[in-house]
Amino acid sequence: MLFKTRGWAVLPAVLIALLLSGGCTGIELLRQHQIAMLAVKCLDTKYGRQNMLGFFDRAVKEQFSYDTSSRSVFSGKPWTTVEAECVTFIRNG
């Protein structure tokens, strides 16, 4: 389990849902897991642990859109900007 807050796990639940839905193979699941872990690392590194967890709280638990969650937690930045930053972060390793 990568991070746990308020009794719910962030990544394992998403990955289990992908696998059970038949949406991907085992290899694809591993790739998605690696990218998801790097994305979480990006959010944690760039915005801090509390903001990263706040984003997941709003997006996953409270079911706000990624853009609404991003703007409310990451100093008004739209999700497209945060996502682009994380793509660069992952590519530059």
N, C-alpha and C. Protein backbone atom coordinates (compact mmCIF):
# COMPACT_ATOMS: atom_id res chain seq x y z
N MET A 1 0.84 -1.17 0.00
CA MET A 1 0.00 0.00 0.00
C MET A 1 0.89 1.23 0.00
N LEU A 2 0.66 2.15 -0.93
CA LEU A 2 1.52 3.31 -1.06
C LEU A 2 1.23 4.35 0.01
N PHE A 3 0.07 4.88 0.06
CA PHE A 3 -0.31 5.85 1.07
C PHE A 3 -1.67 5.46 1.63
N LYS A 4 -1.88 5.73 2.88
CA LYS A 4 -3.17 5.45 3.48
C LYS A 4 -3.56 6.64 4.34
N THR A 5 -4.76 7.10 4.16
CA THR A 5 -5.24 8.22 4.95
C THR A 5 -6.72 8.03 5.24
N ARG A 6 -7.09 8.31 6.45
CA ARG A 6 -8.50 8.20 6.87
C ARG A 6 -9.13 6.87 6.52
N GLY A 7 -8.34 5.81 6.59
CA GLY A 7 -8.88 4.47 6.42
C GLY A 7 -9.04 3.98 5.00
N TRP A 8 -8.54 4.70 4.00
CA TRP A 8 -8.67 4.19 2.64
C TRP A 8 -7.33 4.26 1.93
N ALA A 9 -7.09 3.28 1.09
CA ALA A 9 -5.83 3.21 0.35
C ALA A 9 -6.04 3.83 -1.02
N VAL A 10 -5.08 4.62 -1.48
CA VAL A 10 -5.23 5.34 -2.74
C VAL A 10 -5.01 4.43 -3.94
N LEU A 11 -3.79 3.98 -4.16
CA LEU A 11 -3.48 3.24 -5.39
C LEU A 11 -4.02 1.82 -5.44
N PRO A 12 -3.89 1.02 -4.39
CA PRO A 12 -4.36 -0.37 -4.52
C PRO A 12 -5.82 -0.48 -4.95
N ALA A 13 -6.69 0.35 -4.44
CA ALA A 13 -8.10 0.27 -4.80
C ALA A 13 -8.32 0.56 -6.28
N VAL A 14 -7.62 1.55 -6.80
CA VAL A 14 -7.74 1.90 -8.22
C VAL A 14 -7.22 0.76 -9.09
N LEU A 15 -6.09 0.20 -8.71
CA LEU A 15 -5.50 -0.87 -9.51
C LEU A 15 -6.33 -2.15 -9.47
N ILE A 16 -6.87 -2.48 -8.32
CA ILE A 16 -7.74 -3.65 -8.21
C ILE A 16 -8.98 -3.47 -9.08
N ALA A 17 -9.54 -2.27 -9.08
CA ALA A 17 -10.72 -1.99 -9.92
C ALA A 17 -10.38 -2.17 -11.39
N LEU A 18 -9.21 -1.69 -11.83
CA LEU A 18 -8.80 -1.86 -13.23
C LEU A 18 -8.68 -3.33 -13.60
N LEU A 19 -8.05 -4.11 -12.74
CA LEU A 19 -7.85 -5.52 -13.01
C LEU A 19 -9.18 -6.27 -13.05
N LEU A 20 -10.05 -6.00 -12.08
CA LEU A 20 -11.33 -6.70 -12.01
C LEU A 20 -12.26 -6.30 -13.15
N SER A 21 -12.12 -5.10 -13.66
CA SER A 21 -13.00 -4.65 -14.74
C SER A 21 -12.61 -5.27 -16.08
N GLY A 22 -11.46 -5.94 -16.11
CA GLY A 22 -10.99 -6.51 -17.37
C GLY A 22 -10.42 -5.44 -18.28
N GLY A 23 -10.17 -4.25 -17.72
CA GLY A 23 -9.69 -3.13 -18.52
C GLY A 23 -8.24 -3.22 -18.91
N CYS A 24 -7.49 -4.18 -18.38
CA CYS A 24 -6.09 -4.29 -18.76
C CYS A 24 -5.53 -5.66 -18.39
N THR A 25 -4.41 -6.00 -19.02
CA THR A 25 -3.73 -7.26 -18.72
C THR A 25 -2.81 -7.07 -17.52
N GLY A 26 -2.20 -8.14 -17.07
CA GLY A 26 -1.28 -8.06 -15.94
C GLY A 26 -0.10 -7.15 -16.20
N ILE A 27 0.48 -7.23 -17.41
CA ILE A 27 1.62 -6.37 -17.77
C ILE A 27 1.18 -4.92 -17.82
N GLU A 28 0.02 -4.66 -18.43
CA GLU A 28 -0.48 -3.29 -18.49
C GLU A 28 -0.75 -2.76 -17.09
N LEU A 29 -1.25 -3.63 -16.22
CA LEU A 29 -1.52 -3.24 -14.84
C LEU A 29 -0.22 -2.82 -14.14
N LEU A 30 0.84 -3.59 -14.35
CA LEU A 30 2.14 -3.23 -13.76
C LEU A 30 2.64 -1.90 -14.28
N ARG A 31 2.50 -1.67 -15.57
CA ARG A 31 2.92 -0.39 -16.16
C ARG A 31 2.11 0.76 -15.57
N GLN A 32 0.80 0.57 -15.48
CA GLN A 32 -0.07 1.61 -14.91
C GLN A 32 0.31 1.88 -13.46
N HIS A 33 0.63 0.83 -12.73
CA HIS A 33 1.01 0.97 -11.33
C HIS A 33 2.30 1.78 -11.21
N GLN A 34 3.27 1.49 -12.06
CA GLN A 34 4.55 2.22 -12.02
C GLN A 34 4.33 3.70 -12.36
N ILE A 35 3.54 3.98 -13.38
CA ILE A 35 3.27 5.37 -13.75
C ILE A 35 2.50 6.08 -12.63
N ALA A 36 1.53 5.38 -12.04
CA ALA A 36 0.76 5.97 -10.94
C ALA A 36 1.66 6.30 -9.75
N MET A 37 2.57 5.40 -9.44
CA MET A 37 3.50 5.66 -8.32
C MET A 37 4.38 6.87 -8.61
N LEU A 38 4.86 6.99 -9.84
CA LEU A 38 5.67 8.15 -10.20
C LEU A 38 4.85 9.43 -10.19
N ALA A 39 3.59 9.35 -10.58
CA ALA A 39 2.71 10.53 -10.54
C ALA A 39 2.48 10.97 -9.10
N VAL A 40 2.26 10.02 -8.21
CA VAL A 40 2.09 10.35 -6.80
C VAL A 40 3.38 10.95 -6.25
N LYS A 41 4.52 10.40 -6.65
CA LYS A 41 5.81 10.96 -6.22
C LYS A 41 5.96 12.40 -6.71
N CYS A 42 5.54 12.66 -7.94
CA CYS A 42 5.59 14.00 -8.50
C CYS A 42 4.75 14.96 -7.66
N LEU A 43 3.50 14.60 -7.38
CA LEU A 43 2.62 15.46 -6.59
C LEU A 43 3.19 15.70 -5.20
N ASP A 44 3.74 14.66 -4.61
CA ASP A 44 4.33 14.77 -3.27
C ASP A 44 5.56 15.69 -3.30
N THR A 45 6.41 15.51 -4.30
CA THR A 45 7.64 16.30 -4.41
C THR A 45 7.34 17.77 -4.71
N LYS A 46 6.45 18.02 -5.67
CA LYS A 46 6.18 19.39 -6.11
C LYS A 46 5.26 20.17 -5.17
N TYR A 47 4.31 19.48 -4.54
CA TYR A 47 3.28 20.19 -3.78
C TYR A 47 3.22 19.82 -2.30
N GLY A 48 3.97 18.82 -1.89
CA GLY A 48 3.97 18.41 -0.49
C GLY A 48 2.98 17.30 -0.20
N ARG A 49 3.29 16.53 0.82
CA ARG A 49 2.49 15.35 1.18
C ARG A 49 1.03 15.72 1.51
N GLN A 50 0.83 16.76 2.31
CA GLN A 50 -0.54 17.10 2.70
C GLN A 50 -1.39 17.54 1.51
N ASN A 51 -0.81 18.31 0.59
CA ASN A 51 -1.56 18.72 -0.60
C ASN A 51 -1.84 17.54 -1.51
N MET A 52 -0.86 16.63 -1.67
CA MET A 52 -1.07 15.45 -2.49
C MET A 52 -2.22 14.60 -1.92
N LEU A 53 -2.19 14.39 -0.61
CA LEU A 53 -3.27 13.62 0.03
C LEU A 53 -4.60 14.36 -0.05
N GLY A 54 -4.56 15.69 0.08
CA GLY A 54 -5.78 16.49 -0.05
C GLY A 54 -6.38 16.36 -1.43
N PHE A 55 -5.53 16.33 -2.45
CA PHE A 55 -6.00 16.15 -3.82
C PHE A 55 -6.72 14.81 -3.97
N PHE A 56 -6.09 13.74 -3.48
CA PHE A 56 -6.72 12.42 -3.58
C PHE A 56 -8.00 12.34 -2.76
N ASP A 57 -8.01 12.98 -1.62
CA ASP A 57 -9.24 13.03 -0.82
C ASP A 57 -10.39 13.62 -1.63
N ARG A 58 -10.12 14.76 -2.25
CA ARG A 58 -11.18 15.44 -3.01
C ARG A 58 -11.54 14.67 -4.28
N ALA A 59 -10.54 14.19 -5.00
CA ALA A 59 -10.81 13.54 -6.29
C ALA A 59 -11.39 12.14 -6.15
N VAL A 60 -10.89 11.36 -5.18
CA VAL A 60 -11.32 9.97 -5.06
C VAL A 60 -12.43 9.81 -4.04
N LYS A 61 -12.19 10.27 -2.84
CA LYS A 61 -13.15 10.06 -1.76
C LYS A 61 -14.39 10.94 -1.92
N GLU A 62 -14.16 12.24 -2.20
CA GLU A 62 -15.28 13.17 -2.30
C GLU A 62 -15.83 13.28 -3.72
N GLN A 63 -15.15 12.67 -4.68
CA GLN A 63 -15.56 12.55 -6.08
C GLN A 63 -15.73 13.89 -6.81
N PHE A 64 -14.87 14.86 -6.49
CA PHE A 64 -14.81 16.08 -7.28
C PHE A 64 -14.01 15.77 -8.54
N SER A 65 -14.16 16.59 -9.57
CA SER A 65 -13.37 16.39 -10.78
C SER A 65 -11.89 16.64 -10.47
N TYR A 66 -11.02 16.12 -11.33
CA TYR A 66 -9.59 16.35 -11.13
C TYR A 66 -9.29 17.85 -11.17
N ASP A 67 -9.95 18.57 -12.08
CA ASP A 67 -9.68 19.99 -12.21
C ASP A 67 -10.12 20.76 -10.96
N THR A 68 -11.30 20.47 -10.46
CA THR A 68 -11.79 21.13 -9.24
C THR A 68 -10.88 20.80 -8.06
N SER A 69 -10.50 19.54 -7.94
CA SER A 69 -9.61 19.11 -6.85
C SER A 69 -8.26 19.79 -6.96
N SER A 70 -7.72 19.84 -8.17
CA SER A 70 -6.42 20.47 -8.40
C SER A 70 -6.45 21.94 -8.05
N ARG A 71 -7.45 22.65 -8.53
CA ARG A 71 -7.55 24.10 -8.27
C ARG A 71 -7.71 24.40 -6.78
N SER A 72 -8.42 23.54 -6.08
CA SER A 72 -8.65 23.81 -4.65
C SER A 72 -7.45 23.46 -3.77
N VAL A 73 -6.59 22.57 -4.24
CA VAL A 73 -5.47 22.11 -3.40
C VAL A 73 -4.12 22.65 -3.88
N PHE A 74 -3.93 22.79 -5.19
CA PHE A 74 -2.64 23.17 -5.74
C PHE A 74 -2.61 24.64 -6.15
N SER A 75 -2.98 25.51 -5.25
CA SER A 75 -2.87 26.98 -5.43
C SER A 75 -3.55 27.48 -6.71
N GLY A 76 -4.71 26.94 -7.03
CA GLY A 76 -5.47 27.41 -8.18
C GLY A 76 -5.04 26.87 -9.52
N LYS A 77 -4.04 25.99 -9.55
CA LYS A 77 -3.56 25.45 -10.82
C LYS A 77 -4.58 24.48 -11.40
N PRO A 78 -4.90 24.61 -12.70
CA PRO A 78 -5.80 23.64 -13.34
C PRO A 78 -5.13 22.28 -13.47
N TRP A 79 -5.94 21.23 -13.55
CA TRP A 79 -5.40 19.89 -13.64
C TRP A 79 -4.50 19.71 -14.85
N THR A 80 -4.84 20.34 -15.98
CA THR A 80 -4.02 20.18 -17.18
C THR A 80 -2.58 20.65 -16.94
N THR A 81 -2.41 21.69 -16.16
CA THR A 81 -1.07 22.20 -15.83
C THR A 81 -0.34 21.22 -14.91
N VAL A 82 -1.02 20.76 -13.88
CA VAL A 82 -0.41 19.83 -12.93
C VAL A 82 -0.05 18.52 -13.64
N GLU A 83 -0.95 18.03 -14.47
CA GLU A 83 -0.72 16.80 -15.22
C GLU A 83 0.50 16.95 -16.13
N ALA A 84 0.61 18.07 -16.83
CA ALA A 84 1.75 18.32 -17.72
C ALA A 84 3.05 18.37 -16.93
N GLU A 85 3.02 18.97 -15.74
CA GLU A 85 4.21 19.00 -14.88
C GLU A 85 4.63 17.59 -14.49
N CYS A 86 3.66 16.75 -14.19
CA CYS A 86 3.98 15.38 -13.78
C CYS A 86 4.47 14.54 -14.95
N VAL A 87 3.94 14.77 -16.14
CA VAL A 87 4.44 14.06 -17.33
C VAL A 87 5.91 14.40 -17.53
N THR A 88 6.25 15.67 -17.42
CA THR A 88 7.66 16.10 -17.54
C THR A 88 8.51 15.48 -16.44
N PHE A 89 7.99 15.50 -15.20
CA PHE A 89 8.69 14.92 -14.06
C PHE A 89 8.99 13.44 -14.29
N ILE A 90 8.00 12.70 -14.80
CA ILE A 90 8.16 11.25 -15.03
C ILE A 90 9.14 11.00 -16.17
N ARG A 91 9.01 11.76 -17.25
CA ARG A 91 9.91 11.57 -18.40
C ARG A 91 11.36 11.90 -18.06
N ASN A 92 11.55 12.89 -17.21
CA ASN A 92 12.91 13.31 -16.87
C ASN A 92 13.50 12.49 -15.73
N GLY A 93 12.65 11.63 -15.14
CA GLY A 93 13.06 10.71 -14.10
C GLY A 93 13.92 11.30 -13.07
